[in-house]
Amino acid sequence: MTEVLIVGAGPAGLLLASELRLAGVDTVVLERHPRRPDFCRGFNLNARALDLLARRGLAERMTAEGWPVPHAAFSGLPVTLTLAGAHTDHPYSLGIPQTRVEEILEQHALDRGADIRRGHELLTLEQDFESVTATVAADGGEYRIRAAYLVGCDGGRSTVRKRAGIDFPGTAATRFSLLGDVELADPQALPFGVTTGPGGSVFAIPRPGYVRIITTDRQPPADQDTPVTLDLLRTAVDEALGRHVELRAPRRLTRFGNAARQAAEYVRGRIVLAGDAAHIHPPAGAVGVNLALDDAFNLGWKLAATVRGTASAHLLDSYHAERHAAGAHVLANTRAQVLLGEPGELGDRLAPLTDLLTRVARHPDGNRALAETVTGLDTRYETLPDTGHPWLGRLVPDLTLTTGDGRTRLSDLLAPGRGVLLDLTGGTDVRAAAAGWADRVDLVVATCPDHPDLRAVLLRPDGHTAWLRTVEDEGETDGLRQALQHWYGAV
């Protein structure tokens, strides 16, 4: 038995395990592969993911190893989207292998007591009103494990989603690309970046010791699971460029498509989905791992409170409401990026739209708005009450604060994974209004010289603003009580 069973030890599952353990929830993680993959799926953490990771003290460990690039990834426009001036504490994308991100997250989860079982594969699951029971294959045998909740973080072909009978509507792939991590026999034969030839284009990305090559799968097989061979990749590259490029020493060969699907329900009873199990989308914009981390941050504190019995009845449902909407936005903008890059007749028909968006992206305000949209920096969750303040529902900047113990940062206060109520006046009304929630929310009396108009701020454990008071509404506490009850349950 365990309180929460997570299926899948990718970024979403590992971060979720850490968040649950931070709240003292017994957590078991099942991963069918006996060890982490020896290939790297992605190499990018975006600004929002770094802002979220910073709220748990994890961002610095990654920024110390990665390389910052001061713009957001975007396909289909001849304009770079800069992150300078964006609403973020990390105005850059961070180049770091996903394999390294997973290593850091796994150690973080283990340090907090998560039980991670590699080589354990989910076979079946059954849920009732009180629990979920899973049958697991491991070491040549089977065992059953019962949990209060089960979370599927097991990828786009999620066994959890299928066994739970959750619909996965969307659009099937219409185009496929080949991806190969290989060596070039002649390093000068293919420059880095996009090379266009008479039959198409080839994208070459430098990696330590090898090159990642992406090109169109000119004759996709009827079964997209048909293995990709080095000869197939060579042929596709040669046909695109109209010349031969010798490829050798393949590390990874695969194909991917432009399918876009989203689970109809992120929560069904005691079964929850996160990461690619909840959504798949074209790889444009390099947001996959970032979206998975965002799901885990949103879910962790809500599921922990639900398990502990302190949550309001709607709290876990708010995970679906907030992250399903966010996922739909990602599906829309990644599909748009794919369309902007379409060749041939469709590309010609979209040329006026491409021209319009290019002109918008060349305006500083338009450029910043597009950058914040494709990286999720514009994410705003509904708040009650909503006074219209631009911070409400959004991730609060990492404020510099002065408390009785000296200077600190907001991220340090959020590191324990609890709610935080900042009292920036030292008065008694905020303290009195929040007294009943002291077991779930940390009250911090401080000053914030950079924002003298602020009087008090209530933060969710994921760093989003739940309530805020400024000098203009001095003395108002009814909204504070409403927000506390909404997000942290009854007294």
Protein backbone atom coordinates (compact mmCIF):
# COMPACT_ATOMS: atom_id res chain seq x y z
CA MET A 1 0.00 0.00 0.00
CA THR A 2 1.00 3.58 -0.58
CA GLU A 3 -0.78 6.92 -0.60
CA VAL A 4 0.12 7.89 -4.19
CA LEU A 5 1.35 5.62 -6.98
CA ILE A 6 3.05 7.35 -9.92
CA VAL A 7 3.55 5.48 -13.18
CA GLY A 8 6.48 6.85 -15.18
CA ALA A 9 9.84 8.22 -14.01
CA GLY A 10 10.25 10.98 -16.56
CA PRO A 11 10.43 14.68 -15.63
CA ALA A 12 6.74 14.92 -14.64
CA GLY A 13 6.76 11.79 -12.49
CA LEU A 14 10.04 12.60 -10.73
CA LEU A 15 9.12 16.20 -9.95
CA LEU A 16 5.65 15.16 -8.79
CA ALA A 17 7.21 12.58 -6.46
CA SER A 18 9.40 15.31 -4.94
CA GLU A 19 6.42 17.61 -4.45
CA LEU A 20 4.39 14.89 -2.75
CA ARG A 21 7.25 13.86 -0.48
CA LEU A 22 7.77 17.52 0.45
CA ALA A 23 4.27 17.35 1.92
CA GLY A 24 4.99 14.01 3.65
CA VAL A 25 2.88 11.89 1.29
CA ASP A 26 3.98 8.25 0.87
CA THR A 27 4.90 7.93 -2.81
CA VAL A 28 5.92 5.02 -5.03
CA VAL A 29 7.13 5.58 -8.62
CA LEU A 30 6.99 2.73 -11.15
CA GLU A 31 9.14 2.83 -14.29
CA ARG A 32 9.03 -0.05 -16.76
CA HIS A 33 12.55 0.59 -18.09
CA PRO A 34 15.27 -0.83 -15.83
CA ARG A 35 17.47 2.26 -16.20
CA ARG A 36 17.32 5.82 -17.49
CA PRO A 37 17.60 6.06 -21.31
CA ASP A 38 21.11 6.50 -22.71
CA PHE A 39 19.80 8.95 -25.33
CA CYS A 40 18.60 12.49 -24.82
CA ARG A 41 15.09 13.50 -25.92
CA GLY A 42 15.51 17.25 -25.48
CA PHE A 43 17.97 19.95 -24.55
CA ASN A 44 15.91 22.90 -23.40
CA LEU A 45 14.36 24.37 -20.27
CA ASN A 46 12.38 27.53 -20.91
CA ALA A 47 12.02 30.62 -18.74
CA ARG A 48 8.80 29.55 -17.01
CA ALA A 49 10.15 26.11 -16.13
CA LEU A 50 13.21 27.74 -14.58
CA ASP A 51 11.02 30.17 -12.61
CA LEU A 52 9.04 27.24 -11.22
CA LEU A 53 12.11 25.16 -10.41
CA ALA A 54 13.58 28.16 -8.60
CA ARG A 55 10.64 28.04 -6.16
CA ARG A 56 12.10 24.76 -4.87
CA GLY A 57 15.77 25.68 -5.05
CA LEU A 58 16.35 23.51 -8.13
CA ALA A 59 17.00 26.09 -10.83
CA GLU A 60 20.47 27.11 -9.64
CA ARG A 61 21.73 23.53 -9.91
CA MET A 62 20.68 23.48 -13.56
CA THR A 63 21.74 26.98 -14.57
CA ALA A 64 25.19 26.23 -13.14
CA GLU A 65 25.58 23.48 -15.74
CA GLY A 66 23.60 24.73 -18.74
CA TRP A 67 24.17 27.48 -21.26
CA PRO A 68 21.69 30.39 -21.45
CA VAL A 69 20.29 31.59 -24.75
CA PRO A 70 18.44 34.94 -24.49
CA HIS A 71 15.50 34.05 -26.72
CA ALA A 72 12.56 31.67 -26.98
CA ALA A 73 12.36 28.82 -29.48
CA PHE A 74 9.84 29.48 -32.26
CA SER A 75 9.39 27.95 -35.72
CA GLY A 76 8.06 29.42 -38.93
CA LEU A 77 9.01 33.11 -38.58
CA PRO A 78 12.24 34.80 -39.71
CA VAL A 79 12.37 36.74 -36.42
CA THR A 80 14.06 35.85 -33.13
CA LEU A 81 11.80 36.13 -30.07
CA THR A 82 13.83 37.83 -27.38
CA LEU A 83 13.18 37.30 -23.68
CA ALA A 84 14.73 40.61 -22.67
CA GLY A 85 12.09 42.52 -20.72
CA ALA A 86 9.79 39.50 -20.39
CA HIS A 87 7.97 38.90 -17.11
CA THR A 88 10.42 36.33 -15.75
CA ASP A 89 13.35 35.98 -13.36
CA HIS A 90 15.16 33.91 -16.00
CA PRO A 91 15.05 35.83 -19.32
CA TYR A 92 16.59 33.04 -21.36
CA SER A 93 16.21 29.45 -22.51
CA LEU A 94 18.65 27.07 -20.86
CA GLY A 95 20.49 24.50 -22.91
CA ILE A 96 20.77 21.39 -20.74
CA PRO A 97 20.29 17.72 -21.66
CA GLN A 98 17.02 16.24 -20.48
CA THR A 99 19.01 13.26 -19.20
CA ARG A 100 20.77 15.59 -16.76
CA VAL A 101 17.50 17.23 -15.73
CA GLU A 102 16.10 13.80 -14.91
CA GLU A 103 19.22 12.88 -12.90
CA ILE A 104 18.83 15.99 -10.75
CA LEU A 105 15.09 15.46 -10.28
CA GLU A 106 15.53 11.79 -9.42
CA GLN A 107 18.14 12.53 -6.77
CA HIS A 108 15.91 15.28 -5.39
CA ALA A 109 13.01 12.80 -5.11
CA LEU A 110 15.18 10.11 -3.52
CA ASP A 111 16.59 12.58 -1.00
CA ARG A 112 13.03 13.26 0.12
CA GLY A 113 12.19 9.59 0.51
CA ALA A 114 10.40 8.64 -2.72
CA ASP A 115 10.38 4.91 -3.54
CA ILE A 116 11.47 4.67 -7.20
CA ARG A 117 11.15 1.19 -8.71
CA ARG A 118 12.77 0.71 -12.11
CA GLY A 119 11.96 -2.36 -14.17
CA HIS A 120 8.42 -2.42 -12.74
CA GLU A 121 5.68 -2.29 -15.39
CA LEU A 122 2.01 -1.49 -14.85
CA LEU A 123 -0.23 -4.21 -16.26
CA THR A 124 -3.75 -3.43 -15.04
CA LEU A 125 -5.55 -1.08 -12.70
CA GLU A 126 -8.90 -0.99 -10.95
CA GLN A 127 -10.38 1.86 -8.95
CA ASP A 128 -13.22 2.12 -6.48
CA PHE A 129 -14.46 4.93 -4.25
CA GLU A 130 -11.55 4.59 -1.83
CA SER A 131 -8.47 3.52 -3.78
CA VAL A 132 -6.81 2.29 -6.96
CA THR A 133 -5.27 -1.17 -7.17
CA ALA A 134 -2.56 -1.83 -9.74
CA THR A 135 -1.07 -5.09 -10.96
CA VAL A 136 2.65 -4.74 -11.63
CA ALA A 137 5.14 -6.98 -13.42
CA ALA A 138 8.68 -7.12 -12.02
CA ASP A 139 11.54 -9.62 -11.70
CA GLY A 140 9.68 -12.28 -13.66
CA GLY A 141 6.63 -12.16 -11.44
CA GLU A 142 3.68 -9.96 -10.52
CA TYR A 143 2.45 -8.13 -7.43
CA ARG A 144 -0.45 -5.85 -6.54
CA ILE A 145 -0.18 -2.43 -4.96
CA ARG A 146 -3.04 -0.28 -3.65
CA ALA A 147 -2.95 3.52 -3.49
CA ALA A 148 -5.31 6.32 -2.57
CA TYR A 149 -4.50 7.92 -5.96
CA LEU A 150 -2.68 6.83 -9.09
CA VAL A 151 -1.02 9.34 -11.46
CA GLY A 152 -0.13 8.46 -15.04
CA CYS A 153 3.09 10.19 -16.10
CA ASP A 154 3.86 7.42 -18.58
CA GLY A 155 4.06 9.27 -21.89
CA GLY A 156 2.01 9.79 -25.01
CA ARG A 157 1.05 6.11 -25.25
CA SER A 158 0.07 6.05 -21.59
CA THR A 159 -1.01 2.68 -20.24
CA VAL A 160 -2.73 4.48 -17.36
CA ARG A 161 -4.82 6.61 -19.70
CA LYS A 162 -5.83 3.58 -21.79
CA ARG A 163 -6.62 1.37 -18.80
CA ALA A 164 -8.68 4.16 -17.24
CA GLY A 165 -10.68 4.56 -20.46
CA ILE A 166 -9.94 8.29 -20.78
CA ASP A 167 -10.53 9.62 -24.30
CA PHE A 168 -7.59 11.18 -26.15
CA PRO A 169 -9.19 13.31 -28.88
CA GLY A 170 -7.24 15.38 -31.37
CA THR A 171 -5.61 15.09 -34.79
CA ALA A 172 -3.49 12.22 -36.04
CA ALA A 173 -0.08 12.85 -37.57
CA THR A 174 -0.13 13.86 -41.23
CA ARG A 175 3.62 14.42 -41.60
CA PHE A 176 6.60 12.64 -40.11
CA SER A 177 10.22 13.58 -39.59
CA LEU A 178 13.27 11.42 -39.04
CA LEU A 179 15.65 12.13 -36.18
CA GLY A 180 19.13 10.68 -35.94
CA ASP A 181 21.92 11.25 -33.44
CA VAL A 182 24.91 10.38 -35.61
CA GLU A 183 28.43 11.33 -36.54
CA LEU A 184 29.42 13.00 -39.80
CA ALA A 185 32.24 11.20 -41.61
CA ASP A 186 33.22 14.64 -42.93
CA PRO A 187 32.35 17.37 -40.38
CA GLN A 188 32.39 19.95 -43.18
CA ALA A 189 29.81 18.12 -45.27
CA LEU A 190 26.81 19.57 -43.41
CA PRO A 191 26.80 22.97 -41.69
CA PHE A 192 24.89 23.44 -38.45
CA GLY A 193 21.42 24.91 -38.77
CA VAL A 194 19.01 24.48 -41.69
CA THR A 195 20.38 23.48 -45.10
CA THR A 196 17.94 23.59 -48.01
CA GLY A 197 18.40 21.52 -51.14
CA PRO A 198 16.38 20.65 -54.26
CA GLY A 199 14.39 17.99 -52.41
CA GLY A 200 13.80 19.63 -49.05
CA SER A 201 15.75 20.71 -45.99
CA VAL A 202 17.92 19.17 -43.29
CA PHE A 203 18.33 20.56 -39.77
CA ALA A 204 21.67 19.80 -38.09
CA ILE A 205 22.13 20.53 -34.38
CA PRO A 206 25.58 20.23 -32.78
CA ARG A 207 25.81 18.03 -29.69
CA PRO A 208 28.81 16.92 -27.65
CA GLY A 209 30.48 14.21 -29.72
CA TYR A 210 27.73 13.88 -32.32
CA VAL A 211 25.19 15.73 -34.48
CA ARG A 212 21.40 15.57 -34.24
CA ILE A 213 19.92 15.50 -37.74
CA ILE A 214 16.23 16.09 -38.47
CA THR A 215 14.71 15.77 -41.92
CA THR A 216 11.40 14.88 -43.54
CA ASP A 217 10.39 11.23 -43.70
CA ARG A 218 9.70 11.25 -47.42
CA GLN A 219 7.88 7.90 -47.48
CA PRO A 220 6.40 7.29 -44.03
CA PRO A 221 5.54 3.62 -43.44
CA ALA A 222 2.00 2.44 -42.87
CA ASP A 223 3.10 1.58 -39.32
CA GLN A 224 4.95 4.49 -37.77
CA ASP A 225 6.51 2.08 -35.26
CA THR A 226 8.59 0.55 -38.05
CA PRO A 227 12.21 1.01 -36.95
CA VAL A 228 14.24 3.80 -38.51
CA THR A 229 17.53 2.57 -39.99
CA LEU A 230 20.72 4.46 -40.74
CA ASP A 231 20.21 3.72 -44.46
CA LEU A 232 16.74 5.29 -44.33
CA LEU A 233 18.11 8.44 -42.69
CA ARG A 234 21.00 8.60 -45.20
CA THR A 235 18.56 8.30 -48.11
CA ALA A 236 16.28 11.04 -46.74
CA VAL A 237 19.25 13.42 -46.24
CA ASP A 238 20.67 12.70 -49.68
CA GLU A 239 17.32 13.17 -51.42
CA ALA A 240 16.70 16.45 -49.62
CA LEU A 241 20.13 17.91 -50.41
CA GLY A 242 20.67 16.38 -53.83
CA ARG A 243 24.08 15.11 -52.74
CA HIS A 244 25.54 12.42 -50.53
CA VAL A 245 26.41 13.04 -46.88
CA GLU A 246 28.06 10.11 -45.14
CA LEU A 247 26.51 9.38 -41.73
CA ARG A 248 27.90 6.84 -39.26
CA ALA A 249 27.88 5.63 -35.64
CA PRO A 250 24.16 6.09 -34.90
CA ARG A 251 23.29 6.59 -31.23
CA ARG A 252 19.57 7.02 -31.67
CA LEU A 253 17.26 6.74 -34.69
CA THR A 254 13.55 7.53 -34.51
CA ARG A 255 10.68 9.34 -36.18
CA PHE A 256 8.10 11.77 -34.86
CA GLY A 257 4.93 13.26 -36.27
CA ASN A 258 2.77 16.35 -35.95
CA ALA A 259 -0.07 14.68 -34.03
CA ALA A 260 -1.86 16.87 -31.48
CA ARG A 261 -4.05 15.22 -28.85
CA GLN A 262 -5.26 16.06 -25.37
CA ALA A 263 -6.90 13.90 -22.72
CA ALA A 264 -10.57 14.71 -22.26
CA GLU A 265 -10.14 14.39 -18.49
CA TYR A 266 -6.98 15.02 -16.48
CA VAL A 267 -8.78 13.67 -13.39
CA ARG A 268 -11.14 10.69 -13.37
CA GLY A 269 -12.03 9.60 -9.88
CA ARG A 270 -8.74 8.59 -8.26
CA ILE A 271 -6.76 8.47 -11.48
CA VAL A 272 -4.87 11.56 -12.66
CA LEU A 273 -2.79 12.29 -15.79
CA ALA A 274 0.20 14.60 -16.20
CA GLY A 275 2.85 15.32 -18.81
CA ASP A 276 2.71 13.58 -22.18
CA ALA A 277 0.11 11.15 -20.81
CA ALA A 278 -2.26 14.13 -20.82
CA HIS A 279 -1.18 15.78 -24.07
CA ILE A 280 0.98 15.31 -27.15
CA HIS A 281 1.82 18.03 -29.65
CA PRO A 282 4.27 18.85 -32.44
CA PRO A 283 7.80 19.49 -31.14
CA ALA A 284 7.83 23.08 -32.45
CA GLY A 285 8.93 25.51 -29.76
CA ALA A 286 10.70 22.81 -27.69
CA VAL A 287 8.15 22.96 -24.87
CA GLY A 288 7.51 19.28 -24.12
CA VAL A 289 9.51 18.79 -20.92
CA ASN A 290 8.61 22.28 -19.75
CA LEU A 291 4.88 21.61 -20.01
CA ALA A 292 5.33 18.36 -18.08
CA LEU A 293 7.12 20.16 -15.24
CA ASP A 294 4.37 22.78 -15.17
CA ASP A 295 1.74 20.05 -14.76
CA ALA A 296 3.66 18.48 -11.89
CA PHE A 297 4.04 21.76 -10.01
CA ASN A 298 0.34 22.49 -10.32
CA LEU A 299 -0.71 19.00 -9.28
CA GLY A 300 1.67 18.21 -6.43
CA TRP A 301 0.36 20.48 -3.67
CA LYS A 302 -3.26 19.92 -4.67
CA LEU A 303 -2.98 16.14 -4.61
CA ALA A 304 -1.07 16.24 -1.32
CA ALA A 305 -3.79 18.34 0.33
CA THR A 306 -6.45 15.99 -1.08
CA VAL A 307 -4.67 12.94 0.34
CA ARG A 308 -4.26 14.67 3.69
CA GLY A 309 -7.96 15.59 3.82
CA THR A 310 -7.39 19.34 4.14
CA ALA A 311 -8.38 20.26 0.59
CA SER A 312 -11.68 21.79 -0.43
CA ALA A 313 -13.87 19.52 -2.53
CA HIS A 314 -12.98 21.24 -5.79
CA LEU A 315 -9.20 21.51 -5.35
CA LEU A 316 -8.14 18.46 -7.36
CA ASP A 317 -10.67 19.35 -10.07
CA SER A 318 -8.94 22.73 -10.37
CA TYR A 319 -5.87 20.85 -11.63
CA HIS A 320 -7.87 19.78 -14.69
CA ALA A 321 -9.42 23.22 -15.13
CA GLU A 322 -6.09 25.06 -15.03
CA ARG A 323 -3.77 22.66 -16.80
CA HIS A 324 -6.21 21.46 -19.48
CA ALA A 325 -6.62 25.07 -20.57
CA ALA A 326 -2.85 25.62 -20.50
CA GLY A 327 -2.30 22.43 -22.50
CA ALA A 328 -4.85 23.52 -25.11
CA HIS A 329 -2.93 26.77 -25.56
CA VAL A 330 0.30 24.83 -26.16
CA LEU A 331 -1.37 22.55 -28.70
CA ALA A 332 -2.70 25.61 -30.52
CA ASN A 333 0.59 27.51 -30.67
CA THR A 334 2.69 24.48 -31.65
CA ARG A 335 0.25 23.61 -34.43
CA ALA A 336 0.39 27.23 -35.59
CA GLN A 337 4.17 27.08 -35.74
CA VAL A 338 3.99 23.94 -37.87
CA LEU A 339 1.54 25.61 -40.26
CA LEU A 340 3.77 28.66 -40.62
CA GLY A 341 6.55 26.41 -41.83
CA GLU A 342 4.48 24.41 -44.32
CA PRO A 343 6.00 24.26 -47.83
CA GLY A 344 4.27 24.32 -51.18
CA GLU A 345 0.72 25.49 -51.89
CA LEU A 346 -0.34 25.68 -48.24
CA GLY A 347 2.71 27.77 -47.41
CA ASP A 348 1.84 30.13 -50.26
CA ARG A 349 -1.72 30.50 -48.97
CA LEU A 350 -0.44 31.28 -45.47
CA ALA A 351 2.13 33.81 -46.71
CA PRO A 352 -0.06 36.84 -45.77
CA LEU A 353 -0.46 35.48 -42.22
CA THR A 354 3.27 34.82 -41.96
CA ASP A 355 3.96 38.36 -43.14
CA LEU A 356 1.53 39.81 -40.58
CA LEU A 357 3.00 37.84 -37.67
CA THR A 358 6.51 38.73 -38.81
CA ARG A 359 5.67 42.42 -38.61
CA VAL A 360 4.11 41.92 -35.17
CA ALA A 361 7.21 40.03 -34.00
CA ARG A 362 9.46 42.86 -35.18
CA HIS A 363 7.68 45.30 -32.88
CA PRO A 364 9.25 45.17 -29.38
CA ASP A 365 5.91 44.77 -27.59
CA GLY A 366 4.66 42.19 -30.08
CA ASN A 367 7.93 40.29 -29.87
CA ARG A 368 7.75 40.11 -26.07
CA ALA A 369 4.08 39.08 -26.14
CA LEU A 370 4.78 36.21 -28.55
CA ALA A 371 7.79 35.11 -26.47
CA GLU A 372 5.69 35.05 -23.29
CA THR A 373 2.89 33.16 -25.04
CA VAL A 374 5.01 30.34 -26.48
CA THR A 375 6.93 29.86 -23.20
CA GLY A 376 3.85 29.96 -20.97
CA LEU A 377 5.02 33.10 -19.16
CA ASP A 378 1.58 34.58 -19.76
CA THR A 379 -0.07 31.75 -17.76
CA ARG A 380 -2.76 33.19 -15.51
CA TYR A 381 -5.12 31.11 -13.39
CA GLU A 382 -8.56 32.31 -12.32
CA THR A 383 -8.67 33.85 -8.84
CA LEU A 384 -11.50 34.58 -6.42
CA PRO A 385 -11.88 37.44 -5.84
CA ASP A 386 -10.35 39.04 -8.95
CA THR A 387 -9.56 42.71 -8.36
CA GLY A 388 -7.83 43.13 -11.72
CA HIS A 389 -4.28 43.45 -10.40
CA PRO A 390 -1.82 42.19 -13.07
CA TRP A 391 -0.17 39.80 -10.61
CA LEU A 392 -3.37 37.98 -9.64
CA GLY A 393 -3.34 34.39 -10.84
CA ARG A 394 0.18 34.73 -12.20
CA LEU A 395 3.55 33.58 -10.97
CA VAL A 396 4.88 36.27 -8.63
CA PRO A 397 8.41 37.57 -9.30
CA ASP A 398 11.12 36.35 -6.96
CA LEU A 399 10.78 39.35 -4.66
CA THR A 400 13.59 40.57 -2.43
CA LEU A 401 12.21 40.85 1.12
CA THR A 402 13.45 41.98 4.49
CA THR A 403 12.21 40.06 7.52
CA GLY A 404 13.16 40.11 11.18
CA ASP A 405 15.88 37.58 10.31
CA GLY A 406 17.35 39.72 7.52
CA ARG A 407 17.13 39.76 3.73
CA THR A 408 15.60 36.82 1.91
CA ARG A 409 13.95 35.99 -1.39
CA LEU A 410 10.43 34.82 -2.02
CA SER A 411 11.75 31.58 -3.55
CA ASP A 412 13.35 30.71 -0.20
CA LEU A 413 10.00 31.11 1.55
CA LEU A 414 8.28 28.87 -1.01
CA ALA A 415 10.94 26.13 -0.91
CA PRO A 416 9.11 24.07 1.78
CA GLY A 417 6.12 23.71 -0.57
CA ARG A 418 3.57 25.43 1.67
CA GLY A 419 1.34 28.43 1.10
CA VAL A 420 2.83 31.78 2.04
CA LEU A 421 1.03 34.91 3.24
CA LEU A 422 3.20 38.01 3.08
CA ASP A 423 2.18 40.72 5.54
CA LEU A 424 4.04 43.80 4.33
CA THR A 425 2.60 46.25 6.86
CA GLY A 426 3.11 44.49 10.19
CA GLY A 427 -0.51 45.16 11.15
CA THR A 428 -2.82 42.78 12.97
CA ASP A 429 -5.77 42.48 10.58
CA VAL A 430 -4.05 40.14 8.11
CA ARG A 431 -2.73 37.98 10.92
CA ALA A 432 -6.16 37.74 12.53
CA ALA A 433 -7.91 36.87 9.26
CA ALA A 434 -5.47 34.05 8.47
CA ALA A 435 -5.12 32.59 11.99
CA GLY A 436 -7.27 29.54 11.25
CA TRP A 437 -4.99 28.39 8.41
CA ALA A 438 -1.67 28.54 10.28
CA ASP A 439 -1.20 24.78 9.85
CA ARG A 440 -1.27 25.15 6.03
CA VAL A 441 -0.02 28.68 5.33
CA ASP A 442 3.15 30.35 6.59
CA LEU A 443 2.61 33.96 7.68
CA VAL A 444 5.71 36.07 6.98
CA VAL A 445 5.97 39.66 8.17
CA ALA A 446 8.34 41.52 5.89
CA THR A 447 8.98 44.66 3.90
CA CYS A 448 9.39 44.86 0.13
CA PRO A 449 11.17 48.11 -0.80
CA ASP A 450 10.91 47.41 -4.55
CA HIS A 451 7.08 47.42 -4.37
CA PRO A 452 5.99 49.96 -1.75
CA ASP A 453 2.38 49.83 -3.00
CA LEU A 454 1.95 46.23 -1.86
CA ARG A 455 0.35 45.59 1.53
CA ALA A 456 -0.18 41.81 1.55
CA VAL A 457 0.10 38.86 -0.85
CA LEU A 458 -1.25 35.32 -0.52
CA LEU A 459 0.72 32.78 -2.54
CA ARG A 460 -0.18 29.25 -3.48
CA PRO A 461 2.57 26.64 -2.97
CA ASP A 462 3.32 26.79 -6.71
CA GLY A 463 4.09 30.52 -6.46
CA HIS A 464 0.92 31.82 -8.13
CA THR A 465 -0.90 34.74 -6.51
CA ALA A 466 -4.19 33.79 -4.85
CA TRP A 467 -4.99 37.19 -3.28
CA LEU A 468 -3.33 40.56 -3.12
CA ARG A 469 -3.88 43.85 -1.32
CA THR A 470 -2.38 47.20 -2.27
CA VAL A 471 -2.43 50.64 -0.73
CA GLU A 472 -5.65 51.31 -2.64
CA ASP A 473 -7.69 48.70 -0.74
CA GLU A 474 -6.13 49.05 2.69
CA GLY A 475 -7.94 47.11 5.42
CA GLU A 476 -9.83 44.67 3.16
CA THR A 477 -9.65 41.10 4.48
CA ASP A 478 -12.91 39.48 3.30
CA GLY A 479 -11.21 38.56 0.02
CA LEU A 480 -8.32 37.03 1.97
CA ARG A 481 -10.63 34.71 3.91
CA GLN A 482 -12.40 33.75 0.69
CA ALA A 483 -9.11 32.93 -1.04
CA LEU A 484 -7.80 30.98 1.95
CA GLN A 485 -10.90 28.82 2.10
CA HIS A 486 -10.94 28.35 -1.68
CA TRP A 487 -7.34 27.12 -1.93
CA TYR A 488 -6.61 25.71 1.52
CA GLY A 489 -9.93 24.30 2.65
CA ALA A 490 -12.11 25.01 5.66
CA VAL A 491 -10.68 25.94 9.04
